[in-house]
C-alpha atoms as a PDB file:
ATOM      1  CA  UNK A   1       0.000   0.000   0.000  1.00  0.00           C
ATOM      2  CA  UNK A   2       1.409   3.386  -0.973  1.00  0.00           C
ATOM      3  CA  UNK A   3       1.806   6.285   1.448  1.00  0.00           C
ATOM      4  CA  UNK A   4      -0.902   8.159  -0.421  1.00  0.00           C
ATOM      5  CA  UNK A   5      -3.311   5.224  -0.077  1.00  0.00           C
ATOM      6  CA  UNK A   6      -2.659   5.066   3.660  1.00  0.00           C
ATOM      7  CA  UNK A   7      -3.367   8.773   3.967  1.00  0.00           C
ATOM      8  CA  UNK A   8      -6.614   8.866   1.982  1.00  0.00           C
ATOM      9  CA  UNK A   9      -9.285  10.797   3.870  1.00  0.00           C
ATOM     10  CA  UNK A  10     -12.951  10.644   2.896  1.00  0.00           C
ATOM     11  CA  UNK A  11     -15.077  13.784   3.095  1.00  0.00           C
ATOM     12  CA  UNK A  12     -18.764  14.230   2.235  1.00  0.00           C
ATOM     13  CA  UNK A  13     -19.254  15.864  -1.151  1.00  0.00           C
ATOM     14  CA  UNK A  14     -20.053  19.548  -1.314  1.00  0.00           C
ATOM     15  CA  UNK A  15     -23.508  18.784  -2.739  1.00  0.00           C
ATOM     16  CA  UNK A  16     -24.200  16.349   0.124  1.00  0.00           C
ATOM     17  CA  UNK A  17     -22.954  18.888   2.661  1.00  0.00           C
ATOM     18  CA  UNK A  18     -25.255  21.529   1.207  1.00  0.00           C
ATOM     19  CA  UNK A  19     -28.200  19.125   1.359  1.00  0.00           C
ATOM     20  CA  UNK A  20     -27.418  18.457   5.010  1.00  0.00           C
ATOM     21  CA  UNK A  21     -27.149  22.187   5.675  1.00  0.00           C
ATOM     22  CA  UNK A  22     -30.552  22.831   4.117  1.00  0.00           C
ATOM     23  CA  UNK A  23     -32.029  20.233   6.430  1.00  0.00           C
ATOM     24  CA  UNK A  24     -30.314  21.470   9.567  1.00  0.00           C
ATOM     25  CA  UNK A  25     -30.648  25.260   9.732  1.00  0.00           C
ATOM     26  CA  UNK A  26     -31.525  26.251  13.251  1.00  0.00           C
ATOM     27  CA  UNK A  27     -34.906  27.551  14.333  1.00  0.00           C
ATOM     28  CA  UNK A  28     -35.693  29.046  17.717  1.00  0.00           C
ATOM     29  CA  UNK A  29     -37.191  26.786  20.347  1.00  0.00           C
ATOM     30  CA  UNK A  30     -37.678  26.878  24.102  1.00  0.00           C
ATOM     31  CA  UNK A  31     -35.095  24.851  26.035  1.00  0.00           C
ATOM     32  CA  UNK A  32     -37.583  22.402  27.539  1.00  0.00           C
ATOM     33  CA  UNK A  33     -38.910  21.219  24.173  1.00  0.00           C
ATOM     34  CA  UNK A  34     -35.309  20.523  23.111  1.00  0.00           C
ATOM     35  CA  UNK A  35     -34.596  18.531  26.266  1.00  0.00           C
ATOM     36  CA  UNK A  36     -32.573  21.183  28.095  1.00  0.00           C
ATOM     37  CA  UNK A  37     -32.861  22.483  31.617  1.00  0.00           C
ATOM     38  CA  UNK A  38     -33.509  26.221  31.386  1.00  0.00           C
ATOM     39  CA  UNK A  39     -32.172  26.718  34.914  1.00  0.00           C
ATOM     40  CA  UNK A  40     -28.721  25.707  33.723  1.00  0.00           C
ATOM     41  CA  UNK A  41     -28.900  28.335  31.018  1.00  0.00           C
ATOM     42  CA  UNK A  42     -29.870  30.858  33.698  1.00  0.00           C
ATOM     43  CA  UNK A  43     -26.764  29.803  35.617  1.00  0.00           C
ATOM     44  CA  UNK A  44     -24.702  30.355  32.472  1.00  0.00           C
ATOM     45  CA  UNK A  45     -26.102  33.872  32.137  1.00  0.00           C
ATOM     46  CA  UNK A  46     -25.296  34.591  35.780  1.00  0.00           C
ATOM     47  CA  UNK A  47     -21.745  33.308  35.367  1.00  0.00           C
ATOM     48  CA  UNK A  48     -21.119  35.494  32.313  1.00  0.00           C
ATOM     49  CA  UNK A  49     -22.509  38.581  34.059  1.00  0.00           C
ATOM     50  CA  UNK A  50     -20.206  37.878  37.005  1.00  0.00           C
ATOM     51  CA  UNK A  51     -17.221  37.498  34.692  1.00  0.00           C
ATOM     52  CA  UNK A  52     -17.994  40.851  33.072  1.00  0.00           C
ATOM     53  CA  UNK A  53     -18.467  42.475  36.473  1.00  0.00           C
ATOM     54  CA  UNK A  54     -15.111  41.043  37.585  1.00  0.00           C
ATOM     55  CA  UNK A  55     -13.394  42.463  34.495  1.00  0.00           C
ATOM     56  CA  UNK A  56     -12.488  39.150  32.887  1.00  0.00           C
ATOM     57  CA  UNK A  57     -13.895  40.417  29.603  1.00  0.00           C
ATOM     58  CA  UNK A  58     -16.050  43.326  28.488  1.00  0.00           C
ATOM     59  CA  UNK A  59     -18.801  41.491  26.634  1.00  0.00           C
ATOM     60  CA  UNK A  60     -19.708  38.479  24.555  1.00  0.00           C
ATOM     61  CA  UNK A  61     -22.371  36.658  22.592  1.00  0.00           C
ATOM     62  CA  UNK A  62     -23.560  33.164  23.422  1.00  0.00           C
ATOM     63  CA  UNK A  63     -25.684  30.825  21.320  1.00  0.00           C
ATOM     64  CA  UNK A  64     -26.654  27.299  22.393  1.00  0.00           C
ATOM     65  CA  UNK A  65     -28.272  24.742  20.102  1.00  0.00           C
ATOM     66  CA  UNK A  66     -29.649  21.285  20.791  1.00  0.00           C
ATOM     67  CA  UNK A  67     -31.378  18.759  18.535  1.00  0.00           C
ATOM     68  CA  UNK A  68     -31.493  21.167  15.620  1.00  0.00           C
ATOM     69  CA  UNK A  69     -33.005  24.043  17.599  1.00  0.00           C
ATOM     70  CA  UNK A  70     -31.520  27.302  18.843  1.00  0.00           C
ATOM     71  CA  UNK A  71     -32.525  27.326  22.503  1.00  0.00           C
ATOM     72  CA  UNK A  72     -30.428  30.183  23.855  1.00  0.00           C
ATOM     73  CA  UNK A  73     -29.132  33.312  22.145  1.00  0.00           C
ATOM     74  CA  UNK A  74     -28.035  36.291  24.173  1.00  0.00           C
ATOM     75  CA  UNK A  75     -25.747  39.307  24.094  1.00  0.00           C
ATOM     76  CA  UNK A  76     -23.851  40.477  27.176  1.00  0.00           C
ATOM     77  CA  UNK A  77     -21.884  43.604  28.023  1.00  0.00           C
ATOM     78  CA  UNK A  78     -22.491  47.332  28.307  1.00  0.00           C
ATOM     79  CA  UNK A  79     -19.012  48.826  27.936  1.00  0.00           C
ATOM     80  CA  UNK A  80     -18.848  51.645  25.396  1.00  0.00           C
ATOM     81  CA  UNK A  81     -15.322  50.541  24.491  1.00  0.00           C
ATOM     82  CA  UNK A  82     -16.110  47.162  22.944  1.00  0.00           C
ATOM     83  CA  UNK A  83     -16.713  48.452  19.423  1.00  0.00           C
ATOM     84  CA  UNK A  84     -16.368  51.806  17.713  1.00  0.00           C
ATOM     85  CA  UNK A  85     -20.141  52.228  17.992  1.00  0.00           C
ATOM     86  CA  UNK A  86     -20.362  51.225  21.657  1.00  0.00           C
ATOM     87  CA  UNK A  87     -21.616  48.151  23.560  1.00  0.00           C
ATOM     88  CA  UNK A  88     -22.146  44.676  22.120  1.00  0.00           C
ATOM     89  CA  UNK A  89     -25.275  44.346  19.996  1.00  0.00           C
ATOM     90  CA  UNK A  90     -26.912  41.318  18.410  1.00  0.00           C
ATOM     91  CA  UNK A  91     -25.101  41.988  15.130  1.00  0.00           C
ATOM     92  CA  UNK A  92     -21.698  42.688  16.698  1.00  0.00           C
ATOM     93  CA  UNK A  93     -18.987  40.708  14.931  1.00  0.00           C
ATOM     94  CA  UNK A  94     -16.318  38.760  16.797  1.00  0.00           C
ATOM     95  CA  UNK A  95     -13.079  37.608  15.169  1.00  0.00           C
ATOM     96  CA  UNK A  96     -13.240  33.843  14.673  1.00  0.00           C
ATOM     97  CA  UNK A  97      -9.514  33.317  14.879  1.00  0.00           C
ATOM     98  CA  UNK A  98      -8.593  29.729  13.933  1.00  0.00           C
ATOM     99  CA  UNK A  99     -12.180  28.720  13.185  1.00  0.00           C
ATOM    100  CA  UNK A 100     -11.472  30.661   9.993  1.00  0.00           C
ATOM    101  CA  UNK A 101      -9.215  27.805   8.891  1.00  0.00           C
ATOM    102  CA  UNK A 102     -12.233  25.548   8.354  1.00  0.00           C
ATOM    103  CA  UNK A 103     -13.739  27.946   5.799  1.00  0.00           C
ATOM    104  CA  UNK A 104     -10.494  28.251   3.843  1.00  0.00           C
ATOM    105  CA  UNK A 105     -10.191  24.463   3.920  1.00  0.00           C
ATOM    106  CA  UNK A 106     -13.792  24.060   2.727  1.00  0.00           C
ATOM    107  CA  UNK A 107     -12.981  26.072  -0.391  1.00  0.00           C
ATOM    108  CA  UNK A 108     -10.107  23.654  -1.040  1.00  0.00           C
ATOM    109  CA  UNK A 109     -12.437  20.670  -0.546  1.00  0.00           C
ATOM    110  CA  UNK A 110     -14.849  22.083  -3.130  1.00  0.00           C
ATOM    111  CA  UNK A 111     -12.032  22.289  -5.672  1.00  0.00           C
ATOM    112  CA  UNK A 112     -11.111  18.696  -4.882  1.00  0.00           C
ATOM    113  CA  UNK A 113     -14.693  17.579  -5.497  1.00  0.00           C
ATOM    114  CA  UNK A 114     -14.632  19.271  -8.878  1.00  0.00           C
ATOM    115  CA  UNK A 115     -11.459  17.390  -9.763  1.00  0.00           C
ATOM    116  CA  UNK A 116      -9.427  20.550 -10.165  1.00  0.00           C
ATOM    117  CA  UNK A 117      -6.970  19.515  -7.464  1.00  0.00           C
ATOM    118  CA  UNK A 118      -6.204  16.486  -5.299  1.00  0.00           C
ATOM    119  CA  UNK A 119      -5.376  16.403  -1.614  1.00  0.00           C
ATOM    120  CA  UNK A 120      -2.083  14.769  -2.551  1.00  0.00           C
ATOM    121  CA  UNK A 121      -1.096  17.271  -5.219  1.00  0.00           C
ATOM    122  CA  UNK A 122       2.188  18.966  -4.448  1.00  0.00           C
ATOM    123  CA  UNK A 123       2.003  22.708  -3.896  1.00  0.00           C
ATOM    124  CA  UNK A 124       4.637  23.034  -6.612  1.00  0.00           C
ATOM    125  CA  UNK A 125       2.240  21.391  -9.095  1.00  0.00           C
ATOM    126  CA  UNK A 126       0.147  24.572  -8.928  1.00  0.00           C
ATOM    127  CA  UNK A 127       2.752  27.137  -7.835  1.00  0.00           C
ATOM    128  CA  UNK A 128       5.989  25.979  -9.535  1.00  0.00           C
ATOM    129  CA  UNK A 129       8.212  28.549  -7.822  1.00  0.00           C
ATOM    130  CA  UNK A 130       7.238  27.120  -4.428  1.00  0.00           C
ATOM    131  CA  UNK A 131       9.588  24.193  -4.978  1.00  0.00           C
ATOM    132  CA  UNK A 132      12.222  25.953  -7.054  1.00  0.00           C
ATOM    133  CA  UNK A 133      14.916  26.303  -4.388  1.00  0.00           C
ATOM    134  CA  UNK A 134      16.034  22.696  -4.487  1.00  0.00           C
ATOM    135  CA  UNK A 135      15.125  21.874  -0.885  1.00  0.00           C
ATOM    136  CA  UNK A 136      12.526  19.372   0.253  1.00  0.00           C
ATOM    137  CA  UNK A 137       9.802  21.995   0.020  1.00  0.00           C
ATOM    138  CA  UNK A 138       8.955  20.656  -3.434  1.00  0.00           C
ATOM    139  CA  UNK A 139       7.483  17.632  -1.614  1.00  0.00           C
ATOM    140  CA  UNK A 140       4.910  19.623   0.403  1.00  0.00           C
ATOM    141  CA  UNK A 141       1.377  18.553  -0.504  1.00  0.00           C
ATOM    142  CA  UNK A 142      -2.057  20.027   0.060  1.00  0.00           C
ATOM    143  CA  UNK A 143      -2.656  17.180   2.510  1.00  0.00           C
ATOM    144  CA  UNK A 144       0.396  18.293   4.494  1.00  0.00           C
ATOM    145  CA  UNK A 145      -0.952  21.852   4.643  1.00  0.00           C
ATOM    146  CA  UNK A 146      -4.395  20.779   5.825  1.00  0.00           C
ATOM    147  CA  UNK A 147      -2.999  18.464   8.498  1.00  0.00           C
ATOM    148  CA  UNK A 148      -0.213  20.692   9.886  1.00  0.00           C
ATOM    149  CA  UNK A 149       2.607  18.534   8.496  1.00  0.00           C
ATOM    150  CA  UNK A 150       4.104  20.983   6.000  1.00  0.00           C
ATOM    151  CA  UNK A 151       7.266  21.633   8.002  1.00  0.00           C
ATOM    152  CA  UNK A 152       7.204  25.426   8.436  1.00  0.00           C
ATOM    153  CA  UNK A 153       4.903  26.079  11.437  1.00  0.00           C
ATOM    154  CA  UNK A 154       6.526  29.370  12.433  1.00  0.00           C
ATOM    155  CA  UNK A 155       6.553  31.024   9.017  1.00  0.00           C
ATOM    156  CA  UNK A 156       4.305  33.939   8.118  1.00  0.00           C
ATOM    157  CA  UNK A 157       3.856  36.675   5.537  1.00  0.00           C
ATOM    158  CA  UNK A 158       4.445  40.360   6.167  1.00  0.00           C
ATOM    159  CA  UNK A 159       1.688  42.847   6.806  1.00  0.00           C
ATOM    160  CA  UNK A 160       2.331  44.303   3.343  1.00  0.00           C
ATOM    161  CA  UNK A 161       1.321  40.976   1.795  1.00  0.00           C
ATOM    162  CA  UNK A 162      -2.153  41.065   3.361  1.00  0.00           C
ATOM    163  CA  UNK A 163      -3.397  43.326   0.577  1.00  0.00           C
ATOM    164  CA  UNK A 164      -0.776  42.634  -2.106  1.00  0.00           C
ATOM    165  CA  UNK A 165      -1.438  39.034  -3.135  1.00  0.00           C
ATOM    166  CA  UNK A 166       1.372  38.976  -5.688  1.00  0.00           C
ATOM    167  CA  UNK A 167       3.667  39.669  -2.782  1.00  0.00           C
ATOM    168  CA  UNK A 168       1.824  37.113  -0.667  1.00  0.00           C
ATOM    169  CA  UNK A 169       2.534  34.431  -3.271  1.00  0.00           C
ATOM    170  CA  UNK A 170       6.204  35.431  -3.442  1.00  0.00           C
ATOM    171  CA  UNK A 171       6.550  35.355   0.333  1.00  0.00           C
ATOM    172  CA  UNK A 172       4.984  31.903   0.841  1.00  0.00           C
ATOM    173  CA  UNK A 173       7.348  30.602  -1.832  1.00  0.00           C
ATOM    174  CA  UNK A 174      10.207  31.890   0.330  1.00  0.00           C
ATOM    175  CA  UNK A 175       9.184  29.946   3.431  1.00  0.00           C
ATOM    176  CA  UNK A 176      12.070  28.016   4.994  1.00  0.00           C
ATOM    177  CA  UNK A 177      11.570  24.411   6.064  1.00  0.00           C
ATOM    178  CA  UNK A 178      12.172  23.556   9.703  1.00  0.00           C
ATOM    179  CA  UNK A 179      12.015  19.805   9.040  1.00  0.00           C
ATOM    180  CA  UNK A 180      11.078  17.344   6.332  1.00  0.00           C
ATOM    181  CA  UNK A 181       7.440  17.655   5.202  1.00  0.00           C
ATOM    182  CA  UNK A 182       5.256  14.873   6.578  1.00  0.00           C
ATOM    183  CA  UNK A 183       7.698  13.883   9.318  1.00  0.00           C
ATOM    184  CA  UNK A 184       5.998  15.783  12.166  1.00  0.00           C
ATOM    185  CA  UNK A 185       2.607  17.171  13.061  1.00  0.00           C
ATOM    186  CA  UNK A 186       3.019  20.653  14.541  1.00  0.00           C
ATOM    187  CA  UNK A 187       0.329  23.318  14.542  1.00  0.00           C
ATOM    188  CA  UNK A 188       0.852  25.818  11.723  1.00  0.00           C
ATOM    189  CA  UNK A 189      -0.728  28.934  13.196  1.00  0.00           C
ATOM    190  CA  UNK A 190      -0.710  31.015  10.005  1.00  0.00           C
ATOM    191  CA  UNK A 191       1.705  29.644   7.430  1.00  0.00           C
ATOM    192  CA  UNK A 192      -0.168  26.697   5.930  1.00  0.00           C
ATOM    193  CA  UNK A 193      -3.353  28.617   5.210  1.00  0.00           C
ATOM    194  CA  UNK A 194      -1.525  31.437   3.469  1.00  0.00           C
ATOM    195  CA  UNK A 195      -0.191  28.756   1.116  1.00  0.00           C
ATOM    196  CA  UNK A 196      -3.707  27.346   0.693  1.00  0.00           C
ATOM    197  CA  UNK A 197      -4.928  30.851  -0.146  1.00  0.00           C
ATOM    198  CA  UNK A 198      -2.223  31.145  -2.811  1.00  0.00           C
ATOM    199  CA  UNK A 199      -3.238  27.756  -4.251  1.00  0.00           C
ATOM    200  CA  UNK A 200      -6.892  28.807  -4.409  1.00  0.00           C
ATOM    201  CA  UNK A 201      -5.919  31.934  -6.319  1.00  0.00           C
ATOM    202  CA  UNK A 202      -3.606  30.009  -8.645  1.00  0.00           C
ATOM    203  CA  UNK A 203      -6.334  27.486  -9.515  1.00  0.00           C
ATOM    204  CA  UNK A 204      -9.277  29.872  -9.835  1.00  0.00           C
ATOM    205  CA  UNK A 205      -7.631  33.106 -10.908  1.00  0.00           C
ATOM    206  CA  UNK A 206      -9.788  34.795  -8.267  1.00  0.00           C
ATOM    207  CA  UNK A 207      -9.058  36.419  -4.905  1.00  0.00           C
ATOM    208  CA  UNK A 208      -9.263  33.659  -2.285  1.00  0.00           C
ATOM    209  CA  UNK A 209     -11.662  35.752  -0.168  1.00  0.00           C
ATOM    210  CA  UNK A 210     -14.144  35.904  -3.036  1.00  0.00           C
ATOM    211  CA  UNK A 211     -13.795  32.157  -3.604  1.00  0.00           C
ATOM    212  CA  UNK A 212     -14.530  31.375   0.047  1.00  0.00           C
ATOM    213  CA  UNK A 213     -17.522  33.687  -0.015  1.00  0.00           C
ATOM    214  CA  UNK A 214     -18.967  32.281  -3.248  1.00  0.00           C
ATOM    215  CA  UNK A 215     -18.345  28.618  -2.468  1.00  0.00           C
ATOM    216  CA  UNK A 216     -18.858  28.485   1.297  1.00  0.00           C
ATOM    217  CA  UNK A 217     -20.417  31.565   2.885  1.00  0.00           C
ATOM    218  CA  UNK A 218     -23.084  32.456   0.303  1.00  0.00           C
ATOM    219  CA  UNK A 219     -24.490  28.895   0.123  1.00  0.00           C
ATOM    220  CA  UNK A 220     -24.891  29.027   3.913  1.00  0.00           C
ATOM    221  CA  UNK A 221     -26.973  32.207   3.450  1.00  0.00           C
ATOM    222  CA  UNK A 222     -24.987  34.077   6.095  1.00  0.00           C
ATOM    223  CA  UNK A 223     -23.170  36.567   3.860  1.00  0.00           C
ATOM    224  CA  UNK A 224     -24.172  39.478   6.097  1.00  0.00           C
ATOM    225  CA  UNK A 225     -23.025  37.719   9.260  1.00  0.00           C
ATOM    226  CA  UNK A 226     -19.815  35.879   8.325  1.00  0.00           C
ATOM    227  CA  UNK A 227     -16.999  37.692   6.596  1.00  0.00           C
ATOM    228  CA  UNK A 228     -13.560  36.852   5.276  1.00  0.00           C
ATOM    229  CA  UNK A 229     -12.407  40.307   4.319  1.00  0.00           C
ATOM    230  CA  UNK A 230     -14.712  42.750   6.070  1.00  0.00           C
ATOM    231  CA  UNK A 231     -16.016  45.780   4.125  1.00  0.00           C
ATOM    232  CA  UNK A 232     -15.028  49.110   5.652  1.00  0.00           C
ATOM    233  CA  UNK A 233     -18.606  50.067   6.402  1.00  0.00           C
ATOM    234  CA  UNK A 234     -18.862  47.090   8.765  1.00  0.00           C
ATOM    235  CA  UNK A 235     -15.661  47.718  10.738  1.00  0.00           C
ATOM    236  CA  UNK A 236     -17.663  49.535  13.408  1.00  0.00           C
ATOM    237  CA  UNK A 237     -19.434  46.233  14.179  1.00  0.00           C
ATOM    238  CA  UNK A 238     -16.273  44.377  15.233  1.00  0.00           C
ATOM    239  CA  UNK A 239     -15.496  43.715  18.898  1.00  0.00           C
ATOM    240  CA  UNK A 240     -11.904  44.742  19.485  1.00  0.00           C
ATOM    241  CA  UNK A 241      -9.495  42.076  20.675  1.00  0.00           C
ATOM    242  CA  UNK A 242      -7.596  42.488  23.912  1.00  0.00           C
ATOM    243  CA  UNK A 243      -6.355  40.612  26.958  1.00  0.00           C
ATOM    244  CA  UNK A 244      -7.286  41.573  30.525  1.00  0.00           C
ATOM    245  CA  UNK A 245      -4.738  41.812  33.310  1.00  0.00           C
ATOM    246  CA  UNK A 246      -3.128  38.465  34.033  1.00  0.00           C
ATOM    247  CA  UNK A 247      -3.255  36.734  37.402  1.00  0.00           C
ATOM    248  CA  UNK A 248      -0.196  38.690  38.566  1.00  0.00           C
ATOM    249  CA  UNK A 249      -1.994  41.959  37.896  1.00  0.00           C
ATOM    250  CA  UNK A 250       0.070  42.943  34.863  1.00  0.00           C
ATOM    251  CA  UNK A 251      -1.879  44.384  31.977  1.00  0.00           C
ATOM    252  CA  UNK A 252      -1.514  42.455  28.727  1.00  0.00           C
ATOM    253  CA  UNK A 253      -1.330  44.900  25.776  1.00  0.00           C
ATOM    254  CA  UNK A 254      -4.019  45.079  23.141  1.00  0.00           C
ATOM    255  CA  UNK A 255      -3.417  42.912  20.076  1.00  0.00           C
ATOM    256  CA  UNK A 256      -2.999  46.060  18.042  1.00  0.00           C
ATOM    257  CA  UNK A 257      -2.357  44.411  14.672  1.00  0.00           C
ATOM    258  CA  UNK A 258      -5.673  42.604  14.861  1.00  0.00           C
ATOM    259  CA  UNK A 259      -7.601  45.768  15.784  1.00  0.00           C
ATOM    260  CA  UNK A 260      -6.867  47.618  12.570  1.00  0.00           C
ATOM    261  CA  UNK A 261      -8.694  48.285   9.344  1.00  0.00           C
ATOM    262  CA  UNK A 262      -5.891  46.462   7.498  1.00  0.00           C
ATOM    263  CA  UNK A 263      -6.531  43.262   9.465  1.00  0.00           C
ATOM    264  CA  UNK A 264     -10.300  43.397   8.983  1.00  0.00           C
ATOM    265  CA  UNK A 265      -9.934  43.968   5.231  1.00  0.00           C
ATOM    266  CA  UNK A 266      -7.247  41.299   4.804  1.00  0.00           C
ATOM    267  CA  UNK A 267      -9.498  38.336   5.537  1.00  0.00           C
ATOM    268  CA  UNK A 268      -6.556  36.427   7.011  1.00  0.00           C
ATOM    269  CA  UNK A 269      -7.131  32.827   5.782  1.00  0.00           C
ATOM    270  CA  UNK A 270      -6.053  31.302   9.108  1.00  0.00           C
ATOM    271  CA  UNK A 271      -7.579  33.701  11.599  1.00  0.00           C
ATOM    272  CA  UNK A 272      -9.313  36.753  10.146  1.00  0.00           C
ATOM    273  CA  UNK A 273     -12.915  35.630   9.754  1.00  0.00           C
ATOM    274  CA  UNK A 274     -15.593  37.627  11.589  1.00  0.00           C
ATOM    275  CA  UNK A 275     -18.951  36.297  12.737  1.00  0.00           C
ATOM    276  CA  UNK A 276     -21.912  37.202  14.935  1.00  0.00           C
ATOM    277  CA  UNK A 277     -22.844  34.237  17.141  1.00  0.00           C
ATOM    278  CA  UNK A 278     -26.332  35.479  17.863  1.00  0.00           C
ATOM    279  CA  UNK A 279     -27.329  35.497  14.197  1.00  0.00           C
ATOM    280  CA  UNK A 280     -27.510  31.711  13.943  1.00  0.00           C
ATOM    281  CA  UNK A 281     -31.281  31.543  13.558  1.00  0.00           C
ATOM    282  CA  UNK A 282     -32.066  30.946   9.902  1.00  0.00           C
ATOM    283  CA  UNK A 283     -35.459  30.182   8.429  1.00  0.00           C
ATOM    284  CA  UNK A 284     -35.714  26.713   6.923  1.00  0.00           C
ATOM    285  CA  UNK A 285     -36.031  26.842   3.174  1.00  0.00           C
ATOM    286  CA  UNK A 286     -36.907  24.119   0.653  1.00  0.00           C
END
């Protein structure tokens, strides 16, 4: 059995996934009819209010679903500093961080289903300059990228490459290997998904953010609530990212890079998605 055969992973087709999504959109329901104890949800609300009062965080959104029903959806926090327009609202957007990776990966899966790429294609098959330096990087596959085995977990692109995708492609091709691809599994915080974004653009000829929106976000019918590359007019909706004082009482600085217009517009493929949790209720459609 070849290495590729051992590593074959089966995923549901995009058409099957869409059928399942159409059958599983959430509708509001009371907790009891969904088999939940509403008193526990009351305890959750009390805990969150206490956390906010204690200064652990300034606000949040919480949505709880059970058996296909949305049984709890609430917004917490009254600080005027959370967003540029003030306190958290039901349509406030929170940065998804690494959950974003799943949407970038889903765009890759859709291209696999169409036969335009394979999970075991080498990156260099689609971006020839990626493997042009004569090192083992020519052996990196899409499977390696998706499973954190590519061998460059600490690499990244510069801030200038967020908007300049020609530069982004050049910079991912300059990544330096830290070990042989496929020999270790180590979390690739940013690097792998920048390469996936470059592959998407190489295959489709289209900005990866538009591809994710057209292939993943729009079919989910949440294009006003989930963004990869946030329009400027919606920046006021985003909850700023920060860290409270640590247990020793030292203030942890704001994550300034992630609180900028450049970050929101970039649609970072590994961590820049924005979503409102409380907008999960979607009417079922045929």
